[in-house]
Amino acid sequence: MNLVGKHQFGAIGDTRVTFIEKKIEKQRADFLQKLLEHNGFEVIVQEEKRKSEEEPQLYTIAVTDMVFNPTIWVYERKLRTFDGHKVTPDYWNQKTEDTAPQYWRSK
């Protein structure tokens, strides 16, 4: 769930993609898919293979934009929330829905 500086890219099927996050749960994948589609990206979600039926289903989420780096876009505040505010690192990591971080509110 952490933002990493390294640009991770590869392929899903025959499509070249930039990987956003790998091996994440359904709720996280849905959140990222909606957020990225809201910002105009074409999103691909792939189910990870499970070793057994008892294991939880995990997902890989990617975008078709090969120059997209989520760390840069979040820290440069280029992404927008559903209500038009700028996406912060805590919003991206689903720690808070507060989109106006103020340094004096830090713990």
N, C-alpha and C. Protein backbone atom coordinates (compact mmCIF):
# COMPACT_ATOMS: atom_id res chain seq x y z
N MET A 1 0.81 -1.19 0.00
CA MET A 1 0.00 0.00 0.00
C MET A 1 0.86 1.26 0.00
N ASN A 2 2.14 1.11 0.16
CA ASN A 2 3.01 2.28 0.21
C ASN A 2 3.34 2.77 -1.19
N LEU A 3 3.55 4.06 -1.28
CA LEU A 3 4.02 4.65 -2.53
C LEU A 3 5.53 4.42 -2.61
N VAL A 4 5.96 3.84 -3.71
CA VAL A 4 7.39 3.61 -3.92
C VAL A 4 7.84 4.45 -5.09
N GLY A 5 9.07 4.93 -5.05
CA GLY A 5 9.57 5.81 -6.10
C GLY A 5 9.84 5.10 -7.41
N LYS A 6 10.09 3.80 -7.34
CA LYS A 6 10.45 3.06 -8.54
C LYS A 6 9.25 2.88 -9.47
N HIS A 7 9.47 3.15 -10.73
CA HIS A 7 8.43 2.99 -11.76
C HIS A 7 8.35 1.52 -12.13
N GLN A 8 7.23 0.88 -11.82
CA GLN A 8 7.07 -0.55 -12.09
C GLN A 8 6.20 -0.72 -13.31
N PHE A 9 6.75 -1.34 -14.33
CA PHE A 9 5.98 -1.56 -15.55
C PHE A 9 6.19 -2.98 -16.04
N GLY A 10 5.30 -3.40 -16.92
CA GLY A 10 5.34 -4.74 -17.47
C GLY A 10 4.18 -4.94 -18.41
N ALA A 11 3.61 -6.12 -18.40
CA ALA A 11 2.49 -6.42 -19.29
C ALA A 11 1.45 -7.25 -18.57
N ILE A 12 0.21 -7.01 -18.90
CA ILE A 12 -0.91 -7.86 -18.52
C ILE A 12 -1.53 -8.31 -19.82
N GLY A 13 -1.40 -9.60 -20.09
CA GLY A 13 -1.81 -10.11 -21.40
C GLY A 13 -0.89 -9.53 -22.45
N ASP A 14 -1.47 -8.92 -23.47
CA ASP A 14 -0.70 -8.28 -24.54
C ASP A 14 -0.57 -6.77 -24.34
N THR A 15 -1.07 -6.26 -23.24
CA THR A 15 -1.09 -4.82 -23.00
C THR A 15 0.06 -4.40 -22.10
N ARG A 16 0.85 -3.43 -22.55
CA ARG A 16 1.91 -2.86 -21.71
C ARG A 16 1.27 -1.94 -20.68
N VAL A 17 1.70 -2.08 -19.43
CA VAL A 17 1.07 -1.33 -18.35
C VAL A 17 2.11 -0.82 -17.36
N THR A 18 1.67 0.16 -16.58
CA THR A 18 2.39 0.60 -15.39
C THR A 18 1.64 0.01 -14.21
N PHE A 19 2.33 -0.78 -13.40
CA PHE A 19 1.69 -1.39 -12.23
C PHE A 19 1.53 -0.35 -11.13
N ILE A 20 0.34 -0.33 -10.55
CA ILE A 20 0.06 0.58 -9.45
C ILE A 20 0.32 -0.15 -8.14
N GLU A 21 -0.35 -1.25 -7.92
CA GLU A 21 -0.13 -2.08 -6.74
C GLU A 21 -0.41 -3.53 -7.10
N LYS A 22 0.31 -4.43 -6.44
CA LYS A 22 0.16 -5.85 -6.67
C LYS A 22 -0.26 -6.53 -5.37
N LYS A 23 -0.99 -7.63 -5.52
CA LYS A 23 -1.41 -8.46 -4.40
C LYS A 23 -2.15 -7.65 -3.34
N ILE A 24 -3.22 -7.00 -3.79
CA ILE A 24 -4.05 -6.21 -2.89
C ILE A 24 -5.44 -6.81 -2.81
N GLU A 25 -6.17 -6.45 -1.77
CA GLU A 25 -7.52 -6.97 -1.57
C GLU A 25 -8.52 -6.24 -2.46
N LYS A 26 -9.70 -6.81 -2.58
CA LYS A 26 -10.75 -6.31 -3.46
C LYS A 26 -11.12 -4.86 -3.12
N GLN A 27 -11.28 -4.55 -1.84
CA GLN A 27 -11.68 -3.19 -1.44
C GLN A 27 -10.66 -2.17 -1.91
N ARG A 28 -9.38 -2.47 -1.74
CA ARG A 28 -8.31 -1.55 -2.16
C ARG A 28 -8.29 -1.41 -3.67
N ALA A 29 -8.44 -2.53 -4.37
CA ALA A 29 -8.45 -2.51 -5.84
C ALA A 29 -9.61 -1.67 -6.36
N ASP A 30 -10.78 -1.81 -5.74
CA ASP A 30 -11.95 -1.03 -6.16
C ASP A 30 -11.72 0.47 -5.94
N PHE A 31 -11.15 0.82 -4.79
CA PHE A 31 -10.87 2.22 -4.48
C PHE A 31 -9.92 2.82 -5.52
N LEU A 32 -8.80 2.13 -5.78
CA LEU A 32 -7.83 2.65 -6.73
C LEU A 32 -8.38 2.70 -8.14
N GLN A 33 -9.15 1.70 -8.52
CA GLN A 33 -9.74 1.69 -9.86
C GLN A 33 -10.66 2.89 -10.06
N LYS A 34 -11.53 3.15 -9.11
CA LYS A 34 -12.45 4.28 -9.21
C LYS A 34 -11.70 5.62 -9.23
N LEU A 35 -10.70 5.74 -8.36
CA LEU A 35 -9.93 6.98 -8.28
C LEU A 35 -9.17 7.24 -9.58
N LEU A 36 -8.51 6.24 -10.10
CA LEU A 36 -7.72 6.41 -11.32
C LEU A 36 -8.61 6.65 -12.55
N GLU A 37 -9.74 5.94 -12.64
CA GLU A 37 -10.67 6.18 -13.74
C GLU A 37 -11.26 7.58 -13.66
N HIS A 38 -11.52 8.05 -12.45
CA HIS A 38 -12.02 9.41 -12.26
C HIS A 38 -11.01 10.44 -12.79
N ASN A 39 -9.72 10.11 -12.72
CA ASN A 39 -8.66 11.00 -13.19
C ASN A 39 -8.28 10.75 -14.64
N GLY A 40 -9.05 9.95 -15.35
CA GLY A 40 -8.89 9.80 -16.78
C GLY A 40 -7.96 8.69 -17.24
N PHE A 41 -7.61 7.77 -16.36
CA PHE A 41 -6.72 6.67 -16.76
C PHE A 41 -7.53 5.43 -17.13
N GLU A 42 -6.99 4.67 -18.06
CA GLU A 42 -7.57 3.36 -18.40
C GLU A 42 -6.95 2.35 -17.44
N VAL A 43 -7.78 1.70 -16.64
CA VAL A 43 -7.32 0.82 -15.57
C VAL A 43 -7.57 -0.64 -15.95
N ILE A 44 -6.60 -1.48 -15.61
CA ILE A 44 -6.74 -2.92 -15.80
C ILE A 44 -6.56 -3.57 -14.44
N VAL A 45 -7.53 -4.42 -14.07
CA VAL A 45 -7.46 -5.15 -12.82
C VAL A 45 -7.36 -6.63 -13.16
N GLN A 46 -6.36 -7.30 -12.58
CA GLN A 46 -6.14 -8.71 -12.85
C GLN A 46 -6.18 -9.49 -11.54
N GLU A 47 -6.88 -10.62 -11.54
CA GLU A 47 -6.90 -11.48 -10.37
C GLU A 47 -5.59 -12.24 -10.28
N GLU A 48 -5.04 -12.32 -9.08
CA GLU A 48 -3.83 -13.11 -8.84
C GLU A 48 -4.23 -14.57 -8.73
N LYS A 49 -3.33 -15.46 -9.12
CA LYS A 49 -3.59 -16.89 -8.99
C LYS A 49 -3.47 -17.29 -7.53
N ARG A 50 -4.40 -18.15 -7.10
CA ARG A 50 -4.39 -18.64 -5.73
C ARG A 50 -3.88 -20.07 -5.71
N LYS A 51 -3.16 -20.42 -4.65
CA LYS A 51 -2.67 -21.79 -4.51
C LYS A 51 -3.79 -22.73 -4.09
N SER A 52 -4.74 -22.20 -3.31
CA SER A 52 -5.88 -23.01 -2.86
C SER A 52 -7.11 -22.11 -2.75
N GLU A 53 -8.24 -22.74 -2.65
CA GLU A 53 -9.51 -22.00 -2.54
C GLU A 53 -9.65 -21.29 -1.20
N GLU A 54 -8.91 -21.73 -0.17
CA GLU A 54 -9.02 -21.12 1.15
C GLU A 54 -8.34 -19.76 1.22
N GLU A 55 -7.38 -19.53 0.36
CA GLU A 55 -6.66 -18.26 0.38
C GLU A 55 -7.55 -17.14 -0.15
N PRO A 56 -7.39 -15.93 0.38
CA PRO A 56 -8.19 -14.81 -0.13
C PRO A 56 -7.77 -14.44 -1.56
N GLN A 57 -8.72 -13.95 -2.33
CA GLN A 57 -8.43 -13.53 -3.70
C GLN A 57 -7.74 -12.17 -3.65
N LEU A 58 -6.59 -12.08 -4.30
CA LEU A 58 -5.84 -10.83 -4.37
C LEU A 58 -5.80 -10.34 -5.81
N TYR A 59 -5.50 -9.06 -5.99
CA TYR A 59 -5.58 -8.43 -7.31
C TYR A 59 -4.33 -7.61 -7.59
N THR A 60 -4.07 -7.44 -8.88
CA THR A 60 -3.06 -6.50 -9.36
C THR A 60 -3.78 -5.42 -10.13
N ILE A 61 -3.43 -4.18 -9.88
CA ILE A 61 -4.07 -3.07 -10.59
C ILE A 61 -3.00 -2.30 -11.35
N ALA A 62 -3.32 -1.93 -12.59
CA ALA A 62 -2.36 -1.25 -13.46
C ALA A 62 -3.10 -0.27 -14.36
N VAL A 63 -2.35 0.66 -14.95
CA VAL A 63 -2.90 1.59 -15.93
C VAL A 63 -2.13 1.43 -17.23
N THR A 64 -2.78 1.79 -18.33
CA THR A 64 -2.16 1.64 -19.65
C THR A 64 -1.23 2.80 -19.99
N ASP A 65 -1.21 3.84 -19.20
CA ASP A 65 -0.32 4.98 -19.42
C ASP A 65 1.08 4.60 -18.93
N MET A 66 2.01 4.43 -19.84
CA MET A 66 3.34 3.94 -19.50
C MET A 66 4.21 4.97 -18.77
N VAL A 67 3.87 6.23 -18.82
CA VAL A 67 4.68 7.24 -18.13
C VAL A 67 4.10 7.62 -16.77
N PHE A 68 2.98 7.05 -16.41
CA PHE A 68 2.35 7.35 -15.12
C PHE A 68 3.16 6.71 -13.99
N ASN A 69 3.53 7.52 -13.01
CA ASN A 69 4.18 7.03 -11.80
C ASN A 69 3.34 7.54 -10.63
N PRO A 70 2.67 6.63 -9.90
CA PRO A 70 1.76 7.09 -8.84
C PRO A 70 2.43 7.95 -7.78
N THR A 71 3.68 7.66 -7.44
CA THR A 71 4.37 8.45 -6.42
C THR A 71 4.52 9.90 -6.85
N ILE A 72 4.94 10.11 -8.08
CA ILE A 72 5.10 11.47 -8.59
C ILE A 72 3.76 12.18 -8.65
N TRP A 73 2.75 11.51 -9.17
CA TRP A 73 1.44 12.15 -9.31
C TRP A 73 0.82 12.50 -7.96
N VAL A 74 1.01 11.66 -6.95
CA VAL A 74 0.45 11.95 -5.63
C VAL A 74 1.22 13.09 -4.96
N TYR A 75 2.55 13.02 -4.96
CA TYR A 75 3.32 14.05 -4.27
C TYR A 75 3.33 15.38 -5.01
N GLU A 76 3.13 15.38 -6.30
CA GLU A 76 2.98 16.64 -7.03
C GLU A 76 1.53 17.10 -7.02
N ARG A 77 0.68 16.34 -6.38
CA ARG A 77 -0.75 16.65 -6.18
C ARG A 77 -1.48 16.88 -7.50
N LYS A 78 -1.24 15.99 -8.45
CA LYS A 78 -1.88 16.07 -9.77
C LYS A 78 -3.20 15.30 -9.82
N LEU A 79 -3.40 14.35 -8.92
CA LEU A 79 -4.64 13.56 -8.90
C LEU A 79 -5.71 14.30 -8.11
N ARG A 80 -6.95 14.10 -8.51
CA ARG A 80 -8.09 14.75 -7.83
C ARG A 80 -9.01 13.71 -7.22
N THR A 81 -9.58 14.06 -6.07
CA THR A 81 -10.57 13.20 -5.43
C THR A 81 -11.89 13.35 -6.17
N PHE A 82 -12.88 12.61 -5.72
CA PHE A 82 -14.18 12.64 -6.37
C PHE A 82 -14.90 13.97 -6.19
N ASP A 83 -14.53 14.71 -5.13
CA ASP A 83 -15.15 16.02 -4.92
C ASP A 83 -14.25 17.17 -5.35
N GLY A 84 -13.17 16.86 -6.11
CA GLY A 84 -12.36 17.90 -6.71
C GLY A 84 -11.13 18.34 -5.94
N HIS A 85 -10.92 17.81 -4.74
CA HIS A 85 -9.73 18.17 -3.97
C HIS A 85 -8.53 17.39 -4.47
N LYS A 86 -7.35 17.80 -4.05
CA LYS A 86 -6.12 17.13 -4.44
C LYS A 86 -5.89 15.89 -3.58
N VAL A 87 -5.42 14.81 -4.20
CA VAL A 87 -5.13 13.57 -3.49
C VAL A 87 -3.83 13.73 -2.71
N THR A 88 -3.87 13.40 -1.44
CA THR A 88 -2.69 13.43 -0.58
C THR A 88 -2.19 12.00 -0.39
N PRO A 89 -0.95 11.84 0.10
CA PRO A 89 -0.47 10.48 0.36
C PRO A 89 -1.36 9.70 1.33
N ASP A 90 -1.86 10.34 2.37
CA ASP A 90 -2.74 9.64 3.31
C ASP A 90 -4.07 9.26 2.67
N TYR A 91 -4.58 10.10 1.79
CA TYR A 91 -5.81 9.77 1.07
C TYR A 91 -5.55 8.57 0.16
N TRP A 92 -4.43 8.59 -0.57
CA TRP A 92 -4.07 7.49 -1.47
C TRP A 92 -3.96 6.18 -0.70
N ASN A 93 -3.36 6.22 0.49
CA ASN A 93 -3.18 5.03 1.31
C ASN A 93 -4.40 4.69 2.15
N GLN A 94 -5.46 5.43 1.97
CA GLN A 94 -6.74 5.24 2.66
C GLN A 94 -6.59 5.32 4.18
N LYS A 95 -5.73 6.22 4.64
CA LYS A 95 -5.59 6.46 6.07
C LYS A 95 -6.58 7.52 6.55
N THR A 96 -6.96 8.41 5.63
CA THR A 96 -7.89 9.48 5.97
C THR A 96 -8.61 9.93 4.71
N GLU A 97 -9.72 10.61 4.92
CA GLU A 97 -10.41 11.23 3.79
C GLU A 97 -10.20 12.73 3.79
N ASP A 98 -9.39 13.22 4.73
CA ASP A 98 -9.05 14.64 4.81
C ASP A 98 -8.09 14.98 3.68
N THR A 99 -8.48 15.92 2.83
CA THR A 99 -7.65 16.26 1.67
C THR A 99 -6.96 17.61 1.84
N ALA A 100 -7.01 18.16 3.05
CA ALA A 100 -6.34 19.43 3.30
C ALA A 100 -5.39 19.26 4.50
N PRO A 101 -4.27 18.56 4.29
CA PRO A 101 -3.37 18.35 5.45
C PRO A 101 -2.67 19.65 5.83
N GLN A 102 -2.64 19.91 7.09
CA GLN A 102 -1.98 21.10 7.60
C GLN A 102 -0.88 20.64 8.55
N TYR A 103 0.29 21.20 8.43
CA TYR A 103 1.41 20.75 9.23
C TYR A 103 1.15 20.93 10.73
N TRP A 104 0.34 21.90 11.11
CA TRP A 104 0.12 22.14 12.52
C TRP A 104 -0.87 21.13 13.13
N ARG A 105 -1.47 20.29 12.27
CA ARG A 105 -2.35 19.25 12.78
C ARG A 105 -1.62 17.91 12.93
N SER A 106 -0.33 17.88 12.63
CA SER A 106 0.45 16.65 12.75
C SER A 106 0.55 16.22 14.21
N LYS A 107 0.57 14.95 14.41
CA LYS A 107 0.69 14.43 15.78
C LYS A 107 2.12 14.32 16.20
